[in-house]
Amino acid sequence: MLIITTFGSDVEELKRRKGVVISSRVHPGETNSSLMVKGMIDYLVGPSLGARLLRDTFVFKIIPMLNPDGVINGNTRCNLVGVDLNRIWTEPNKKLHPTIWHTK
């Protein structure tokens, strides 16, 4: 997980900021989402006034790849145990679906 914000603020000010969670690649075959997340990260850490305002206002928590095992093994929709992780958000199992369980 990548955290992007303006860290120079005091702790209490950081606690008051709203959080934005962004995840990508729950389906390994969605390679275009990696490019979208890279573009978003590049923008958020960039020098523009808009990016600076976003960093000063929010705490972004970005998970660029929710299914790395599926990506490494060439799966298109499933993780290593053959489960479509996009279908188990309501009740993920810590052992079978660790990335979804920890994200929640």
PDB file of N, CA and C in Angstrom:
ATOM      1  N   MET A   1       0.843  -1.169   0.000  1.00  0.00           N
ATOM      2  CA  MET A   1       0.000   0.000   0.000  1.00  0.00           C
ATOM      3  C   MET A   1       0.886   1.230   0.000  1.00  0.00           C
ATOM      4  N   LEU A   2       0.496   2.172  -0.813  1.00  0.00           N
ATOM      5  CA  LEU A   2       1.198   3.449  -0.930  1.00  0.00           C
ATOM      6  C   LEU A   2       0.328   4.520  -0.284  1.00  0.00           C
ATOM      7  N   ILE A   3       0.910   5.317   0.587  1.00  0.00           N
ATOM      8  CA  ILE A   3       0.177   6.405   1.227  1.00  0.00           C
ATOM      9  C   ILE A   3       0.713   7.718   0.685  1.00  0.00           C
ATOM     10  N   ILE A   4      -0.204   8.538   0.171  1.00  0.00           N
ATOM     11  CA  ILE A   4       0.171   9.838  -0.379  1.00  0.00           C
ATOM     12  C   ILE A   4      -0.627  10.911   0.336  1.00  0.00           C
ATOM     13  N   THR A   5       0.074  11.865   0.922  1.00  0.00           N
ATOM     14  CA  THR A   5      -0.528  13.019   1.574  1.00  0.00           C
ATOM     15  C   THR A   5       0.595  14.012   1.840  1.00  0.00           C
ATOM     16  N   THR A   6       0.277  15.146   2.435  1.00  0.00           N
ATOM     17  CA  THR A   6       1.302  16.072   2.891  1.00  0.00           C
ATOM     18  C   THR A   6       1.621  15.690   4.329  1.00  0.00           C
ATOM     19  N   PHE A   7       2.805  15.147   4.531  1.00  0.00           N
ATOM     20  CA  PHE A   7       3.165  14.624   5.850  1.00  0.00           C
ATOM     21  C   PHE A   7       3.737  15.682   6.782  1.00  0.00           C
ATOM     22  N   GLY A   8       4.008  16.877   6.303  1.00  0.00           N
ATOM     23  CA  GLY A   8       4.608  17.905   7.139  1.00  0.00           C
ATOM     24  C   GLY A   8       3.667  18.485   8.173  1.00  0.00           C
ATOM     25  N   SER A   9       2.406  18.086   8.127  1.00  0.00           N
ATOM     26  CA  SER A   9       1.409  18.618   9.055  1.00  0.00           C
ATOM     27  C   SER A   9       1.535  17.954  10.419  1.00  0.00           C
ATOM     28  N   ASP A  10       0.927  18.594  11.433  1.00  0.00           N
ATOM     29  CA  ASP A  10       0.938  17.974  12.756  1.00  0.00           C
ATOM     30  C   ASP A  10      -0.003  16.772  12.777  1.00  0.00           C
ATOM     31  N   VAL A  11       0.182  15.915  13.739  1.00  0.00           N
ATOM     32  CA  VAL A  11      -0.547  14.647  13.824  1.00  0.00           C
ATOM     33  C   VAL A  11      -2.055  14.864  13.910  1.00  0.00           C
ATOM     34  N   GLU A  12      -2.495  15.826  14.674  1.00  0.00           N
ATOM     35  CA  GLU A  12      -3.933  16.076  14.837  1.00  0.00           C
ATOM     36  C   GLU A  12      -4.561  16.527  13.525  1.00  0.00           C
ATOM     37  N   GLU A  13      -3.847  17.329  12.765  1.00  0.00           N
ATOM     38  CA  GLU A  13      -4.366  17.785  11.479  1.00  0.00           C
ATOM     39  C   GLU A  13      -4.469  16.607  10.514  1.00  0.00           C
ATOM     40  N   LEU A  14      -3.495  15.721  10.532  1.00  0.00           N
ATOM     41  CA  LEU A  14      -3.537  14.521   9.684  1.00  0.00           C
ATOM     42  C   LEU A  14      -4.732  13.639  10.036  1.00  0.00           C
ATOM     43  N   LYS A  15      -5.049  13.516  11.310  1.00  0.00           N
ATOM     44  CA  LYS A  15      -6.172  12.686  11.750  1.00  0.00           C
ATOM     45  C   LYS A  15      -7.511  13.240  11.271  1.00  0.00           C
ATOM     46  N   ARG A  16      -7.602  14.544  11.075  1.00  0.00           N
ATOM     47  CA  ARG A  16      -8.860  15.169  10.642  1.00  0.00           C
ATOM     48  C   ARG A  16      -9.100  15.015   9.141  1.00  0.00           C
ATOM     49  N   ARG A  17      -8.085  14.695   8.377  1.00  0.00           N
ATOM     50  CA  ARG A  17      -8.244  14.558   6.927  1.00  0.00           C
ATOM     51  C   ARG A  17      -9.074  13.326   6.580  1.00  0.00           C
ATOM     52  N   LYS A  18      -9.870  13.453   5.546  1.00  0.00           N
ATOM     53  CA  LYS A  18     -10.627  12.309   5.040  1.00  0.00           C
ATOM     54  C   LYS A  18      -9.682  11.400   4.262  1.00  0.00           C
ATOM     55  N   GLY A  19      -9.962  10.107   4.322  1.00  0.00           N
ATOM     56  CA  GLY A  19      -9.155   9.137   3.604  1.00  0.00           C
ATOM     57  C   GLY A  19      -9.806   8.730   2.290  1.00  0.00           C
ATOM     58  N   VAL A  20      -8.973   8.462   1.311  1.00  0.00           N
ATOM     59  CA  VAL A  20      -9.435   7.976   0.012  1.00  0.00           C
ATOM     60  C   VAL A  20      -8.682   6.677  -0.262  1.00  0.00           C
ATOM     61  N   VAL A  21      -9.419   5.573  -0.395  1.00  0.00           N
ATOM     62  CA  VAL A  21      -8.805   4.277  -0.678  1.00  0.00           C
ATOM     63  C   VAL A  21      -9.045   3.947  -2.142  1.00  0.00           C
ATOM     64  N   ILE A  22      -7.966   3.622  -2.828  1.00  0.00           N
ATOM     65  CA  ILE A  22      -8.039   3.282  -4.245  1.00  0.00           C
ATOM     66  C   ILE A  22      -7.330   1.950  -4.435  1.00  0.00           C
ATOM     67  N   SER A  23      -7.990   1.022  -5.121  1.00  0.00           N
ATOM     68  CA  SER A  23      -7.365  -0.268  -5.394  1.00  0.00           C
ATOM     69  C   SER A  23      -7.473  -0.584  -6.877  1.00  0.00           C
ATOM     70  N   SER A  24      -6.638  -1.509  -7.303  1.00  0.00           N
ATOM     71  CA  SER A  24      -6.589  -1.863  -8.714  1.00  0.00           C
ATOM     72  C   SER A  24      -6.204  -3.327  -8.875  1.00  0.00           C
ATOM     73  N   ARG A  25      -6.432  -3.866 -10.034  1.00  0.00           N
ATOM     74  CA  ARG A  25      -6.044  -5.207 -10.455  1.00  0.00           C
ATOM     75  C   ARG A  25      -6.617  -6.318  -9.576  1.00  0.00           C
ATOM     76  N   VAL A  26      -7.901  -6.218  -9.207  1.00  0.00           N
ATOM     77  CA  VAL A  26      -8.541  -7.345  -8.531  1.00  0.00           C
ATOM     78  C   VAL A  26      -8.707  -8.481  -9.533  1.00  0.00           C
ATOM     79  N   HIS A  27      -8.914  -8.136 -10.802  1.00  0.00           N
ATOM     80  CA  HIS A  27      -8.891  -9.110 -11.889  1.00  0.00           C
ATOM     81  C   HIS A  27      -7.536  -8.972 -12.587  1.00  0.00           C
ATOM     82  N   PRO A  28      -6.721 -10.012 -12.557  1.00  0.00           N
ATOM     83  CA  PRO A  28      -5.367  -9.920 -13.091  1.00  0.00           C
ATOM     84  C   PRO A  28      -5.288  -9.490 -14.551  1.00  0.00           C
ATOM     85  N   GLY A  29      -6.303  -9.813 -15.346  1.00  0.00           N
ATOM     86  CA  GLY A  29      -6.257  -9.495 -16.763  1.00  0.00           C
ATOM     87  C   GLY A  29      -6.544  -8.043 -17.093  1.00  0.00           C
ATOM     88  N   GLU A  30      -6.864  -7.248 -16.110  1.00  0.00           N
ATOM     89  CA  GLU A  30      -7.187  -5.831 -16.341  1.00  0.00           C
ATOM     90  C   GLU A  30      -5.912  -4.992 -16.322  1.00  0.00           C
ATOM     91  N   THR A  31      -5.061  -5.220 -17.293  1.00  0.00           N
ATOM     92  CA  THR A  31      -3.757  -4.547 -17.313  1.00  0.00           C
ATOM     93  C   THR A  31      -3.876  -3.038 -17.466  1.00  0.00           C
ATOM     94  N   ASN A  32      -4.933  -2.571 -18.113  1.00  0.00           N
ATOM     95  CA  ASN A  32      -5.086  -1.128 -18.281  1.00  0.00           C
ATOM     96  C   ASN A  32      -5.233  -0.405 -16.947  1.00  0.00           C
ATOM     97  N   SER A  33      -5.723  -1.105 -15.919  1.00  0.00           N
ATOM     98  CA  SER A  33      -5.867  -0.453 -14.618  1.00  0.00           C
ATOM     99  C   SER A  33      -4.511  -0.121 -13.997  1.00  0.00           C
ATOM    100  N   SER A  34      -3.488  -0.894 -14.302  1.00  0.00           N
ATOM    101  CA  SER A  34      -2.144  -0.561 -13.804  1.00  0.00           C
ATOM    102  C   SER A  34      -1.676   0.767 -14.387  1.00  0.00           C
ATOM    103  N   LEU A  35      -1.973   0.991 -15.655  1.00  0.00           N
ATOM    104  CA  LEU A  35      -1.591   2.253 -16.287  1.00  0.00           C
ATOM    105  C   LEU A  35      -2.379   3.423 -15.694  1.00  0.00           C
ATOM    106  N   MET A  36      -3.649   3.188 -15.399  1.00  0.00           N
ATOM    107  CA  MET A  36      -4.468   4.246 -14.787  1.00  0.00           C
ATOM    108  C   MET A  36      -3.947   4.611 -13.400  1.00  0.00           C
ATOM    109  N   VAL A  37      -3.623   3.597 -12.604  1.00  0.00           N
ATOM    110  CA  VAL A  37      -3.118   3.860 -11.254  1.00  0.00           C
ATOM    111  C   VAL A  37      -1.767   4.565 -11.316  1.00  0.00           C
ATOM    112  N   LYS A  38      -0.905   4.158 -12.241  1.00  0.00           N
ATOM    113  CA  LYS A  38       0.391   4.833 -12.383  1.00  0.00           C
ATOM    114  C   LYS A  38       0.195   6.306 -12.722  1.00  0.00           C
ATOM    115  N   GLY A  39      -0.718   6.591 -13.638  1.00  0.00           N
ATOM    116  CA  GLY A  39      -1.002   7.978 -13.987  1.00  0.00           C
ATOM    117  C   GLY A  39      -1.539   8.768 -12.809  1.00  0.00           C
ATOM    118  N   MET A  40      -2.397   8.141 -12.025  1.00  0.00           N
ATOM    119  CA  MET A  40      -2.955   8.797 -10.847  1.00  0.00           C
ATOM    120  C   MET A  40      -1.858   9.079  -9.815  1.00  0.00           C
ATOM    121  N   ILE A  41      -1.001   8.092  -9.576  1.00  0.00           N
ATOM    122  CA  ILE A  41       0.099   8.278  -8.625  1.00  0.00           C
ATOM    123  C   ILE A  41       1.032   9.380  -9.106  1.00  0.00           C
ATOM    124  N   ASP A  42       1.391   9.349 -10.392  1.00  0.00           N
ATOM    125  CA  ASP A  42       2.256  10.391 -10.944  1.00  0.00           C
ATOM    126  C   ASP A  42       1.653  11.772 -10.734  1.00  0.00           C
ATOM    127  N   TYR A  43       0.339  11.894 -10.945  1.00  0.00           N
ATOM    128  CA  TYR A  43      -0.316  13.181 -10.744  1.00  0.00           C
ATOM    129  C   TYR A  43      -0.291  13.588  -9.274  1.00  0.00           C
ATOM    130  N   LEU A  44      -0.669  12.669  -8.388  1.00  0.00           N
ATOM    131  CA  LEU A  44      -0.763  13.005  -6.965  1.00  0.00           C
ATOM    132  C   LEU A  44       0.573  13.408  -6.344  1.00  0.00           C
ATOM    133  N   VAL A  45       1.665  12.841  -6.818  1.00  0.00           N
ATOM    134  CA  VAL A  45       2.976  13.200  -6.259  1.00  0.00           C
ATOM    135  C   VAL A  45       3.643  14.323  -7.055  1.00  0.00           C
ATOM    136  N   GLY A  46       2.965  14.809  -8.083  1.00  0.00           N
ATOM    137  CA  GLY A  46       3.529  15.843  -8.946  1.00  0.00           C
ATOM    138  C   GLY A  46       3.462  17.235  -8.341  1.00  0.00           C
ATOM    139  N   PRO A  47       4.024  18.207  -9.069  1.00  0.00           N
ATOM    140  CA  PRO A  47       4.163  19.570  -8.545  1.00  0.00           C
ATOM    141  C   PRO A  47       2.966  20.490  -8.784  1.00  0.00           C
ATOM    142  N   SER A  48       1.909  20.026  -9.437  1.00  0.00           N
ATOM    143  CA  SER A  48       0.805  20.932  -9.780  1.00  0.00           C
ATOM    144  C   SER A  48       0.073  21.423  -8.536  1.00  0.00           C
ATOM    145  N   LEU A  49      -0.568  22.574  -8.686  1.00  0.00           N
ATOM    146  CA  LEU A  49      -1.339  23.148  -7.579  1.00  0.00           C
ATOM    147  C   LEU A  49      -2.490  22.227  -7.190  1.00  0.00           C
ATOM    148  N   GLY A  50      -3.145  21.609  -8.179  1.00  0.00           N
ATOM    149  CA  GLY A  50      -4.239  20.686  -7.903  1.00  0.00           C
ATOM    150  C   GLY A  50      -3.789  19.487  -7.081  1.00  0.00           C
ATOM    151  N   ALA A  51      -2.646  18.923  -7.451  1.00  0.00           N
ATOM    152  CA  ALA A  51      -2.111  17.775  -6.707  1.00  0.00           C
ATOM    153  C   ALA A  51      -1.737  18.180  -5.287  1.00  0.00           C
ATOM    154  N   ARG A  52      -1.162  19.339  -5.159  1.00  0.00           N
ATOM    155  CA  ARG A  52      -0.775  19.821  -3.821  1.00  0.00           C
ATOM    156  C   ARG A  52      -2.011  20.032  -2.939  1.00  0.00           C
ATOM    157  N   LEU A  53      -3.058  20.582  -3.516  1.00  0.00           N
ATOM    158  CA  LEU A  53      -4.302  20.785  -2.774  1.00  0.00           C
ATOM    159  C   LEU A  53      -4.893  19.442  -2.343  1.00  0.00           C
ATOM    160  N   LEU A  54      -4.869  18.447  -3.235  1.00  0.00           N
ATOM    161  CA  LEU A  54      -5.359  17.110  -2.876  1.00  0.00           C
ATOM    162  C   LEU A  54      -4.539  16.502  -1.747  1.00  0.00           C
ATOM    163  N   ARG A  55      -3.218  16.631  -1.824  1.00  0.00           N
ATOM    164  CA  ARG A  55      -2.357  16.076  -0.760  1.00  0.00           C
ATOM    165  C   ARG A  55      -2.570  16.792   0.571  1.00  0.00           C
ATOM    166  N   ASP A  56      -2.856  18.090   0.511  1.00  0.00           N
ATOM    167  CA  ASP A  56      -3.096  18.858   1.738  1.00  0.00           C
ATOM    168  C   ASP A  56      -4.457  18.560   2.356  1.00  0.00           C
ATOM    169  N   THR A  57      -5.384  18.034   1.560  1.00  0.00           N
ATOM    170  CA  THR A  57      -6.762  17.841   2.003  1.00  0.00           C
ATOM    171  C   THR A  57      -7.072  16.397   2.388  1.00  0.00           C
ATOM    172  N   PHE A  58      -6.458  15.436   1.710  1.00  0.00           N
ATOM    173  CA  PHE A  58      -6.801  14.024   1.882  1.00  0.00           C
ATOM    174  C   PHE A  58      -5.576  13.175   2.193  1.00  0.00           C
ATOM    175  N   VAL A  59      -5.848  11.982   2.695  1.00  0.00           N
ATOM    176  CA  VAL A  59      -4.832  10.935   2.829  1.00  0.00           C
ATOM    177  C   VAL A  59      -5.236   9.845   1.844  1.00  0.00           C
ATOM    178  N   PHE A  60      -4.427   9.653   0.809  1.00  0.00           N
ATOM    179  CA  PHE A  60      -4.700   8.635  -0.199  1.00  0.00           C
ATOM    180  C   PHE A  60      -3.987   7.346   0.186  1.00  0.00           C
ATOM    181  N   LYS A  61      -4.725   6.261   0.211  1.00  0.00           N
ATOM    182  CA  LYS A  61      -4.150   4.933   0.436  1.00  0.00           C
ATOM    183  C   LYS A  61      -4.409   4.124  -0.826  1.00  0.00           C
ATOM    184  N   ILE A  62      -3.335   3.818  -1.540  1.00  0.00           N
ATOM    185  CA  ILE A  62      -3.450   3.202  -2.854  1.00  0.00           C
ATOM    186  C   ILE A  62      -2.873   1.798  -2.830  1.00  0.00           C
ATOM    187  N   ILE A  63      -3.680   0.851  -3.283  1.00  0.00           N
ATOM    188  CA  ILE A  63      -3.242  -0.539  -3.430  1.00  0.00           C
ATOM    189  C   ILE A  63      -3.198  -0.801  -4.935  1.00  0.00           C
ATOM    190  N   PRO A  64      -2.019  -0.741  -5.539  1.00  0.00           N
ATOM    191  CA  PRO A  64      -1.941  -0.811  -6.999  1.00  0.00           C
ATOM    192  C   PRO A  64      -2.261  -2.182  -7.589  1.00  0.00           C
ATOM    193  N   MET A  65      -2.184  -3.249  -6.787  1.00  0.00           N
ATOM    194  CA  MET A  65      -2.464  -4.582  -7.325  1.00  0.00           C
ATOM    195  C   MET A  65      -3.021  -5.470  -6.222  1.00  0.00           C
ATOM    196  N   LEU A  66      -4.330  -5.747  -6.273  1.00  0.00           N
ATOM    197  CA  LEU A  66      -4.975  -6.568  -5.246  1.00  0.00           C
ATOM    198  C   LEU A  66      -4.786  -8.070  -5.469  1.00  0.00           C
ATOM    199  N   ASN A  67      -4.391  -8.463  -6.654  1.00  0.00           N
ATOM    200  CA  ASN A  67      -4.277  -9.889  -6.955  1.00  0.00           C
ATOM    201  C   ASN A  67      -2.924 -10.187  -7.618  1.00  0.00           C
ATOM    202  N   PRO A  68      -1.809  -9.934  -6.916  1.00  0.00           N
ATOM    203  CA  PRO A  68      -0.493 -10.155  -7.540  1.00  0.00           C
ATOM    204  C   PRO A  68      -0.246 -11.615  -7.908  1.00  0.00           C
ATOM    205  N   ASP A  69      -0.763 -12.557  -7.118  1.00  0.00           N
ATOM    206  CA  ASP A  69      -0.561 -13.978  -7.443  1.00  0.00           C
ATOM    207  C   ASP A  69      -1.246 -14.338  -8.754  1.00  0.00           C
ATOM    208  N   GLY A  70      -2.430 -13.807  -8.964  1.00  0.00           N
ATOM    209  CA  GLY A  70      -3.136 -14.064 -10.212  1.00  0.00           C
ATOM    210  C   GLY A  70      -2.406 -13.455 -11.400  1.00  0.00           C
ATOM    211  N   VAL A  71      -1.844 -12.273 -11.216  1.00  0.00           N
ATOM    212  CA  VAL A  71      -1.100 -11.608 -12.291  1.00  0.00           C
ATOM    213  C   VAL A  71       0.147 -12.411 -12.641  1.00  0.00           C
ATOM    214  N   ILE A  72       0.908 -12.807 -11.626  1.00  0.00           N
ATOM    215  CA  ILE A  72       2.158 -13.547 -11.851  1.00  0.00           C
ATOM    216  C   ILE A  72       1.894 -14.859 -12.578  1.00  0.00           C
ATOM    217  N   ASN A  73       0.769 -15.515 -12.263  1.00  0.00           N
ATOM    218  CA  ASN A  73       0.460 -16.812 -12.859  1.00  0.00           C
ATOM    219  C   ASN A  73      -0.355 -16.725 -14.144  1.00  0.00           C
ATOM    220  N   GLY A  74      -0.619 -15.521 -14.625  1.00  0.00           N
ATOM    221  CA  GLY A  74      -1.305 -15.358 -15.899  1.00  0.00           C
ATOM    222  C   GLY A  74      -2.801 -15.586 -15.868  1.00  0.00           C
ATOM    223  N   ASN A  75      -3.403 -15.575 -14.694  1.00  0.00           N
ATOM    224  CA  ASN A  75      -4.858 -15.713 -14.610  1.00  0.00           C
ATOM    225  C   ASN A  75      -5.517 -14.443 -15.147  1.00  0.00           C
ATOM    226  N   THR A  76      -6.745 -14.562 -15.588  1.00  0.00           N
ATOM    227  CA  THR A  76      -7.448 -13.381 -16.069  1.00  0.00           C
ATOM    228  C   THR A  76      -8.465 -12.846 -15.063  1.00  0.00           C
ATOM    229  N   ARG A  77      -9.040 -13.712 -14.235  1.00  0.00           N
ATOM    230  CA  ARG A  77     -10.047 -13.255 -13.270  1.00  0.00           C
ATOM    231  C   ARG A  77      -9.843 -13.767 -11.849  1.00  0.00           C
ATOM    232  N   CYS A  78      -9.088 -14.835 -11.661  1.00  0.00           N
ATOM    233  CA  CYS A  78      -9.046 -15.515 -10.365  1.00  0.00           C
ATOM    234  C   CYS A  78      -7.685 -15.406  -9.684  1.00  0.00           C
ATOM    235  N   ASN A  79      -7.717 -15.701  -8.377  1.00  0.00           N
ATOM    236  CA  ASN A  79      -6.467 -15.787  -7.616  1.00  0.00           C
ATOM    237  C   ASN A  79      -5.926 -17.218  -7.710  1.00  0.00           C
ATOM    238  N   LEU A  80      -4.944 -17.558  -6.881  1.00  0.00           N
ATOM    239  CA  LEU A  80      -4.325 -18.881  -6.958  1.00  0.00           C
ATOM    240  C   LEU A  80      -5.262 -20.034  -6.612  1.00  0.00           C
ATOM    241  N   VAL A  81      -6.272 -19.789  -5.785  1.00  0.00           N
ATOM    242  CA  VAL A  81      -7.198 -20.871  -5.423  1.00  0.00           C
ATOM    243  C   VAL A  81      -8.434 -20.894  -6.323  1.00  0.00           C
ATOM    244  N   GLY A  82      -8.390 -20.136  -7.429  1.00  0.00           N
ATOM    245  CA  GLY A  82      -9.470 -20.166  -8.407  1.00  0.00           C
ATOM    246  C   GLY A  82     -10.693 -19.355  -8.047  1.00  0.00           C
ATOM    247  N   VAL A  83     -10.533 -18.360  -7.198  1.00  0.00           N
ATOM    248  CA  VAL A  83     -11.659 -17.544  -6.757  1.00  0.00           C
ATOM    249  C   VAL A  83     -11.591 -16.168  -7.407  1.00  0.00           C
ATOM    250  N   ASP A  84     -12.730 -15.705  -7.907  1.00  0.00           N
ATOM    251  CA  ASP A  84     -12.839 -14.339  -8.411  1.00  0.00           C
ATOM    252  C   ASP A  84     -12.942 -13.428  -7.193  1.00  0.00           C
ATOM    253  N   LEU A  85     -11.886 -12.721  -6.880  1.00  0.00           N
ATOM    254  CA  LEU A  85     -11.842 -11.905  -5.658  1.00  0.00           C
ATOM    255  C   LEU A  85     -12.885 -10.795  -5.648  1.00  0.00           C
ATOM    256  N   ASN A  86     -13.371 -10.430  -6.793  1.00  0.00           N
ATOM    257  CA  ASN A  86     -14.395  -9.392  -6.849  1.00  0.00           C
ATOM    258  C   ASN A  86     -15.743  -9.883  -6.338  1.00  0.00           C
ATOM    259  N   ARG A  87     -15.888 -11.179  -6.110  1.00  0.00           N
ATOM    260  CA  ARG A  87     -17.157 -11.763  -5.671  1.00  0.00           C
ATOM    261  C   ARG A  87     -17.179 -12.113  -4.181  1.00  0.00           C
ATOM    262  N   ILE A  88     -16.115 -11.861  -3.461  1.00  0.00           N
ATOM    263  CA  ILE A  88     -16.071 -12.285  -2.050  1.00  0.00           C
ATOM    264  C   ILE A  88     -15.879 -11.112  -1.078  1.00  0.00           C
ATOM    265  N   TRP A  89     -16.150  -9.891  -1.505  1.00  0.00           N
ATOM    266  CA  TRP A  89     -15.949  -8.725  -0.643  1.00  0.00           C
ATOM    267  C   TRP A  89     -16.784  -8.796   0.637  1.00  0.00           C
ATOM    268  N   THR A  90     -17.961  -9.371   0.580  1.00  0.00           N
ATOM    269  CA  THR A  90     -18.817  -9.367   1.768  1.00  0.00           C
ATOM    270  C   THR A  90     -18.272 -10.254   2.882  1.00  0.00           C
ATOM    271  N   GLU A  91     -17.677 -11.395   2.527  1.00  0.00           N
ATOM    272  CA  GLU A  91     -17.141 -12.298   3.544  1.00  0.00           C
ATOM    273  C   GLU A  91     -15.836 -12.952   3.080  1.00  0.00           C
ATOM    274  N   PRO A  92     -14.755 -12.167   2.997  1.00  0.00           N
ATOM    275  CA  PRO A  92     -13.487 -12.775   2.595  1.00  0.00           C
ATOM    276  C   PRO A  92     -12.910 -13.655   3.706  1.00  0.00           C
ATOM    277  N   ASN A  93     -12.184 -14.668   3.301  1.00  0.00           N
ATOM    278  CA  ASN A  93     -11.510 -15.563   4.234  1.00  0.00           C
ATOM    279  C   ASN A  93     -10.050 -15.123   4.329  1.00  0.00           C
ATOM    280  N   LYS A  94      -9.545 -14.985   5.548  1.00  0.00           N
ATOM    281  CA  LYS A  94      -8.184 -14.489   5.745  1.00  0.00           C
ATOM    282  C   LYS A  94      -7.139 -15.369   5.054  1.00  0.00           C
ATOM    283  N   LYS A  95      -7.354 -16.675   5.016  1.00  0.00           N
ATOM    284  CA  LYS A  95      -6.387 -17.610   4.421  1.00  0.00           C
ATOM    285  C   LYS A  95      -6.536 -17.704   2.896  1.00  0.00           C
ATOM    286  N   LEU A  96      -7.771 -17.719   2.403  1.00  0.00           N
ATOM    287  CA  LEU A  96      -8.013 -17.909   0.975  1.00  0.00           C
ATOM    288  C   LEU A  96      -7.999 -16.618   0.171  1.00  0.00           C
ATOM    289  N   HIS A  97      -8.334 -15.503   0.817  1.00  0.00           N
ATOM    290  CA  HIS A  97      -8.455 -14.224   0.121  1.00  0.00           C
ATOM    291  C   HIS A  97      -7.742 -13.132   0.936  1.00  0.00           C
ATOM    292  N   PRO A  98      -6.448 -13.297   1.215  1.00  0.00           N
ATOM    293  CA  PRO A  98      -5.774 -12.384   2.146  1.00  0.00           C
ATOM    294  C   PRO A  98      -5.750 -10.926   1.700  1.00  0.00           C
ATOM    295  N   THR A  99      -5.610 -10.666   0.419  1.00  0.00           N
ATOM    296  CA  THR A  99      -5.533  -9.257   0.006  1.00  0.00           C
ATOM    297  C   THR A  99      -6.861  -8.540   0.218  1.00  0.00           C
ATOM    298  N   ILE A 100      -7.963  -9.216  -0.040  1.00  0.00           N
ATOM    299  CA  ILE A 100      -9.277  -8.594   0.177  1.00  0.00           C
ATOM    300  C   ILE A 100      -9.543  -8.463   1.674  1.00  0.00           C
ATOM    301  N   TRP A 101      -9.212  -9.497   2.434  1.00  0.00           N
ATOM    302  CA  TRP A 101      -9.429  -9.461   3.889  1.00  0.00           C
ATOM    303  C   TRP A 101      -8.664  -8.300   4.520  1.00  0.00           C
ATOM    304  N   HIS A 102      -7.398  -8.143   4.150  1.00  0.00           N
ATOM    305  CA  HIS A 102      -6.585  -7.063   4.727  1.00  0.00           C
ATOM    306  C   HIS A 102      -7.017  -5.685   4.215  1.00  0.00           C
ATOM    307  N   THR A 103      -7.479  -5.611   2.985  1.00  0.00           N
ATOM    308  CA  THR A 103      -7.959  -4.339   2.465  1.00  0.00           C
ATOM    309  C   THR A 103      -9.184  -3.862   3.238  1.00  0.00           C
ATOM    310  N   LYS A 104     -10.096  -4.786   3.517  1.00  0.00           N
ATOM    311  CA  LYS A 104     -11.284  -4.423   4.296  1.00  0.00           C
ATOM    312  C   LYS A 104     -10.890  -4.016   5.713  1.00  0.00           C
TER     313      LYS A 104
END
